[in-house]
């Protein structure tokens, strides 16, 4: 159940980051660098499995410590792909040539990632409920 709950937490954070990306798809003034505004830069979640070595498991059993299993969020990184340039000389953030830098967020990619995260979340809920059901049946057998 700990493995599944860590995966649920990780997928929820992934959905939150994707939602933030979608909300800022047109944000041309997200961060100020050297006195100039830069567009929003797409963010991505990096996950990795929690590694448990033999010594960690042995120490856990000897000291009765709680051993963390499952997946962990390593970091949230910014996508370094270049910003999109769109010709719009009337835009207040247009440069001298009339081009506006827009965020490097692709709504199609974000929707695909969101569907993937949602399906992973739903699969983990199913696993969690199945595990809970098996535990309840085991308790019923013991009665």
C-alpha atoms as a PDB file:
ATOM      1  CA  UNK A   1       0.000   0.000   0.000  1.00  0.00           C
ATOM      2  CA  UNK A   2       2.962   2.323   0.633  1.00  0.00           C
ATOM      3  CA  UNK A   3       4.211   1.766  -2.906  1.00  0.00           C
ATOM      4  CA  UNK A   4       0.824   2.609  -4.356  1.00  0.00           C
ATOM      5  CA  UNK A   5       0.301   5.663  -2.176  1.00  0.00           C
ATOM      6  CA  UNK A   6       3.692   7.074  -3.199  1.00  0.00           C
ATOM      7  CA  UNK A   7       2.761   6.564  -6.848  1.00  0.00           C
ATOM      8  CA  UNK A   8      -0.579   8.319  -6.278  1.00  0.00           C
ATOM      9  CA  UNK A   9       1.201  11.285  -4.723  1.00  0.00           C
ATOM     10  CA  UNK A  10       3.731  11.446  -7.566  1.00  0.00           C
ATOM     11  CA  UNK A  11       1.064  11.303 -10.281  1.00  0.00           C
ATOM     12  CA  UNK A  12      -0.979  13.974  -8.510  1.00  0.00           C
ATOM     13  CA  UNK A  13       2.029  16.302  -8.467  1.00  0.00           C
ATOM     14  CA  UNK A  14       2.622  15.517 -12.141  1.00  0.00           C
ATOM     15  CA  UNK A  15      -0.992  16.513 -12.921  1.00  0.00           C
ATOM     16  CA  UNK A  16      -0.543  19.747 -10.937  1.00  0.00           C
ATOM     17  CA  UNK A  17       2.594  20.659 -12.900  1.00  0.00           C
ATOM     18  CA  UNK A  18       0.848  19.908 -16.204  1.00  0.00           C
ATOM     19  CA  UNK A  19      -2.077  22.103 -15.113  1.00  0.00           C
ATOM     20  CA  UNK A  20       0.366  24.907 -14.348  1.00  0.00           C
ATOM     21  CA  UNK A  21       1.908  24.523 -17.799  1.00  0.00           C
ATOM     22  CA  UNK A  22      -1.504  24.702 -19.459  1.00  0.00           C
ATOM     23  CA  UNK A  23      -2.514  27.740 -17.404  1.00  0.00           C
ATOM     24  CA  UNK A  24       0.613  29.593 -18.556  1.00  0.00           C
ATOM     25  CA  UNK A  25       0.497  28.646 -22.233  1.00  0.00           C
ATOM     26  CA  UNK A  26       0.240  32.351 -23.206  1.00  0.00           C
ATOM     27  CA  UNK A  27       2.238  33.963 -20.375  1.00  0.00           C
ATOM     28  CA  UNK A  28       4.868  36.201 -21.940  1.00  0.00           C
ATOM     29  CA  UNK A  29       5.947  37.771 -18.636  1.00  0.00           C
ATOM     30  CA  UNK A  30       6.675  34.988 -16.192  1.00  0.00           C
ATOM     31  CA  UNK A  31      10.137  35.818 -14.911  1.00  0.00           C
ATOM     32  CA  UNK A  32      12.389  38.842 -15.044  1.00  0.00           C
ATOM     33  CA  UNK A  33      16.029  38.178 -15.967  1.00  0.00           C
ATOM     34  CA  UNK A  34      18.540  41.049 -16.189  1.00  0.00           C
ATOM     35  CA  UNK A  35      15.739  43.587 -16.311  1.00  0.00           C
ATOM     36  CA  UNK A  36      13.895  41.849 -19.191  1.00  0.00           C
ATOM     37  CA  UNK A  37      10.789  39.720 -18.989  1.00  0.00           C
ATOM     38  CA  UNK A  38      10.985  36.121 -20.161  1.00  0.00           C
ATOM     39  CA  UNK A  39       8.058  33.893 -21.105  1.00  0.00           C
ATOM     40  CA  UNK A  40       6.932  31.010 -18.949  1.00  0.00           C
ATOM     41  CA  UNK A  41       9.167  27.963 -19.340  1.00  0.00           C
ATOM     42  CA  UNK A  42       7.551  24.513 -19.372  1.00  0.00           C
ATOM     43  CA  UNK A  43       8.139  22.463 -16.228  1.00  0.00           C
ATOM     44  CA  UNK A  44       8.510  18.691 -15.976  1.00  0.00           C
ATOM     45  CA  UNK A  45       8.467  16.266 -13.051  1.00  0.00           C
ATOM     46  CA  UNK A  46      11.363  13.839 -12.664  1.00  0.00           C
ATOM     47  CA  UNK A  47      10.518  10.641 -10.768  1.00  0.00           C
ATOM     48  CA  UNK A  48      12.698   7.757  -9.707  1.00  0.00           C
ATOM     49  CA  UNK A  49      12.163   4.544  -7.768  1.00  0.00           C
ATOM     50  CA  UNK A  50      13.074   4.524  -4.120  1.00  0.00           C
ATOM     51  CA  UNK A  51      16.077   2.264  -3.967  1.00  0.00           C
ATOM     52  CA  UNK A  52      16.297  -0.094  -1.041  1.00  0.00           C
ATOM     53  CA  UNK A  53      19.594  -1.896  -0.710  1.00  0.00           C
ATOM     54  CA  UNK A  54      20.054  -5.042   1.304  1.00  0.00           C
ATOM     55  CA  UNK A  55      21.697  -3.069   4.115  1.00  0.00           C
ATOM     56  CA  UNK A  56      18.754  -0.646   4.274  1.00  0.00           C
ATOM     57  CA  UNK A  57      16.277  -3.525   4.534  1.00  0.00           C
ATOM     58  CA  UNK A  58      18.440  -5.259   7.159  1.00  0.00           C
ATOM     59  CA  UNK A  59      18.729  -2.068   9.243  1.00  0.00           C
ATOM     60  CA  UNK A  60      14.992  -1.577   8.951  1.00  0.00           C
ATOM     61  CA  UNK A  61      14.267  -5.030  10.300  1.00  0.00           C
ATOM     62  CA  UNK A  62      16.810  -4.704  13.101  1.00  0.00           C
ATOM     63  CA  UNK A  63      15.708  -1.222  14.227  1.00  0.00           C
ATOM     64  CA  UNK A  64      12.036  -1.474  13.285  1.00  0.00           C
ATOM     65  CA  UNK A  65      12.344   1.735  11.269  1.00  0.00           C
ATOM     66  CA  UNK A  66       9.868   2.615   8.587  1.00  0.00           C
ATOM     67  CA  UNK A  67      11.309   1.814   5.174  1.00  0.00           C
ATOM     68  CA  UNK A  68      10.139   4.040   2.344  1.00  0.00           C
ATOM     69  CA  UNK A  69       9.141   2.142  -0.793  1.00  0.00           C
ATOM     70  CA  UNK A  70       7.715   3.129  -4.128  1.00  0.00           C
ATOM     71  CA  UNK A  71       8.460   6.179  -6.208  1.00  0.00           C
ATOM     72  CA  UNK A  72       9.838   9.559  -5.230  1.00  0.00           C
ATOM     73  CA  UNK A  73       9.915  12.937  -6.911  1.00  0.00           C
ATOM     74  CA  UNK A  74      13.552  13.706  -7.609  1.00  0.00           C
ATOM     75  CA  UNK A  75      13.024  17.254  -8.872  1.00  0.00           C
ATOM     76  CA  UNK A  76      10.955  19.549 -11.043  1.00  0.00           C
ATOM     77  CA  UNK A  77      12.988  20.791 -13.988  1.00  0.00           C
ATOM     78  CA  UNK A  78      12.430  23.421 -16.648  1.00  0.00           C
ATOM     79  CA  UNK A  79      12.336  22.405 -20.299  1.00  0.00           C
ATOM     80  CA  UNK A  80      15.174  24.123 -22.140  1.00  0.00           C
ATOM     81  CA  UNK A  81      13.650  24.003 -25.621  1.00  0.00           C
ATOM     82  CA  UNK A  82      13.636  27.436 -27.274  1.00  0.00           C
ATOM     83  CA  UNK A  83      10.650  29.733 -27.010  1.00  0.00           C
ATOM     84  CA  UNK A  84       8.245  30.029 -29.933  1.00  0.00           C
ATOM     85  CA  UNK A  85       8.590  33.177 -32.017  1.00  0.00           C
ATOM     86  CA  UNK A  86       5.366  34.654 -33.388  1.00  0.00           C
ATOM     87  CA  UNK A  87       5.176  37.734 -35.577  1.00  0.00           C
ATOM     88  CA  UNK A  88       2.881  40.231 -33.847  1.00  0.00           C
ATOM     89  CA  UNK A  89       4.239  43.793 -33.973  1.00  0.00           C
ATOM     90  CA  UNK A  90       1.205  45.142 -32.069  1.00  0.00           C
ATOM     91  CA  UNK A  91       1.947  42.994 -29.003  1.00  0.00           C
ATOM     92  CA  UNK A  92       3.439  44.965 -26.080  1.00  0.00           C
ATOM     93  CA  UNK A  93       6.216  42.377 -25.640  1.00  0.00           C
ATOM     94  CA  UNK A  94       7.271  42.356 -29.312  1.00  0.00           C
ATOM     95  CA  UNK A  95      10.969  42.913 -30.016  1.00  0.00           C
ATOM     96  CA  UNK A  96      12.367  45.418 -32.536  1.00  0.00           C
ATOM     97  CA  UNK A  97      11.625  43.056 -35.466  1.00  0.00           C
ATOM     98  CA  UNK A  98       7.998  42.579 -34.321  1.00  0.00           C
ATOM     99  CA  UNK A  99       8.400  39.037 -32.955  1.00  0.00           C
ATOM    100  CA  UNK A 100       7.017  37.921 -29.607  1.00  0.00           C
ATOM    101  CA  UNK A 101       8.575  35.096 -27.627  1.00  0.00           C
ATOM    102  CA  UNK A 102       5.856  32.719 -26.412  1.00  0.00           C
ATOM    103  CA  UNK A 103       6.255  29.922 -23.852  1.00  0.00           C
ATOM    104  CA  UNK A 104       7.641  26.582 -24.986  1.00  0.00           C
ATOM    105  CA  UNK A 105       4.443  24.842 -23.861  1.00  0.00           C
ATOM    106  CA  UNK A 106       2.764  22.619 -26.461  1.00  0.00           C
ATOM    107  CA  UNK A 107      -0.908  22.083 -25.478  1.00  0.00           C
ATOM    108  CA  UNK A 108      -1.095  18.808 -27.416  1.00  0.00           C
ATOM    109  CA  UNK A 109       1.908  17.381 -25.552  1.00  0.00           C
ATOM    110  CA  UNK A 110       0.511  18.603 -22.235  1.00  0.00           C
ATOM    111  CA  UNK A 111      -2.862  16.967 -22.878  1.00  0.00           C
ATOM    112  CA  UNK A 112      -1.129  13.704 -23.803  1.00  0.00           C
ATOM    113  CA  UNK A 113       0.935  13.860 -20.603  1.00  0.00           C
ATOM    114  CA  UNK A 114      -2.200  14.666 -18.605  1.00  0.00           C
ATOM    115  CA  UNK A 115      -4.034  11.646 -20.011  1.00  0.00           C
ATOM    116  CA  UNK A 116      -1.024   9.468 -19.186  1.00  0.00           C
ATOM    117  CA  UNK A 117      -0.829  10.799 -15.614  1.00  0.00           C
ATOM    118  CA  UNK A 118      -4.578  10.377 -15.132  1.00  0.00           C
ATOM    119  CA  UNK A 119      -4.510   6.786 -16.360  1.00  0.00           C
ATOM    120  CA  UNK A 120      -1.538   6.002 -14.104  1.00  0.00           C
ATOM    121  CA  UNK A 121      -3.376   7.537 -11.162  1.00  0.00           C
ATOM    122  CA  UNK A 122      -6.509   5.487 -11.921  1.00  0.00           C
ATOM    123  CA  UNK A 123      -4.458   2.282 -12.236  1.00  0.00           C
ATOM    124  CA  UNK A 124      -2.846   2.931  -8.863  1.00  0.00           C
ATOM    125  CA  UNK A 125      -6.242   3.543  -7.261  1.00  0.00           C
ATOM    126  CA  UNK A 126      -7.356   0.164  -8.633  1.00  0.00           C
ATOM    127  CA  UNK A 127      -4.254  -1.522  -7.193  1.00  0.00           C
ATOM    128  CA  UNK A 128      -4.794   0.189  -3.841  1.00  0.00           C
ATOM    129  CA  UNK A 129      -8.428  -0.954  -3.675  1.00  0.00           C
ATOM    130  CA  UNK A 130      -7.496  -4.524  -4.695  1.00  0.00           C
ATOM    131  CA  UNK A 131      -4.830  -4.654  -1.983  1.00  0.00           C
ATOM    132  CA  UNK A 132      -7.279  -3.322   0.579  1.00  0.00           C
ATOM    133  CA  UNK A 133      -9.831  -5.949  -0.502  1.00  0.00           C
ATOM    134  CA  UNK A 134      -7.289  -8.751  -0.116  1.00  0.00           C
ATOM    135  CA  UNK A 135      -6.365  -7.532   3.353  1.00  0.00           C
ATOM    136  CA  UNK A 136     -10.014  -7.424   4.373  1.00  0.00           C
ATOM    137  CA  UNK A 137     -10.559 -10.988   3.074  1.00  0.00           C
ATOM    138  CA  UNK A 138      -7.497 -12.128   5.029  1.00  0.00           C
ATOM    139  CA  UNK A 139      -8.984 -10.604   8.175  1.00  0.00           C
ATOM    140  CA  UNK A 140     -12.299 -12.354   7.496  1.00  0.00           C
ATOM    141  CA  UNK A 141     -10.503 -15.689   7.168  1.00  0.00           C
ATOM    142  CA  UNK A 142      -8.917 -15.155  10.569  1.00  0.00           C
ATOM    143  CA  UNK A 143     -12.300 -14.732  12.310  1.00  0.00           C
END
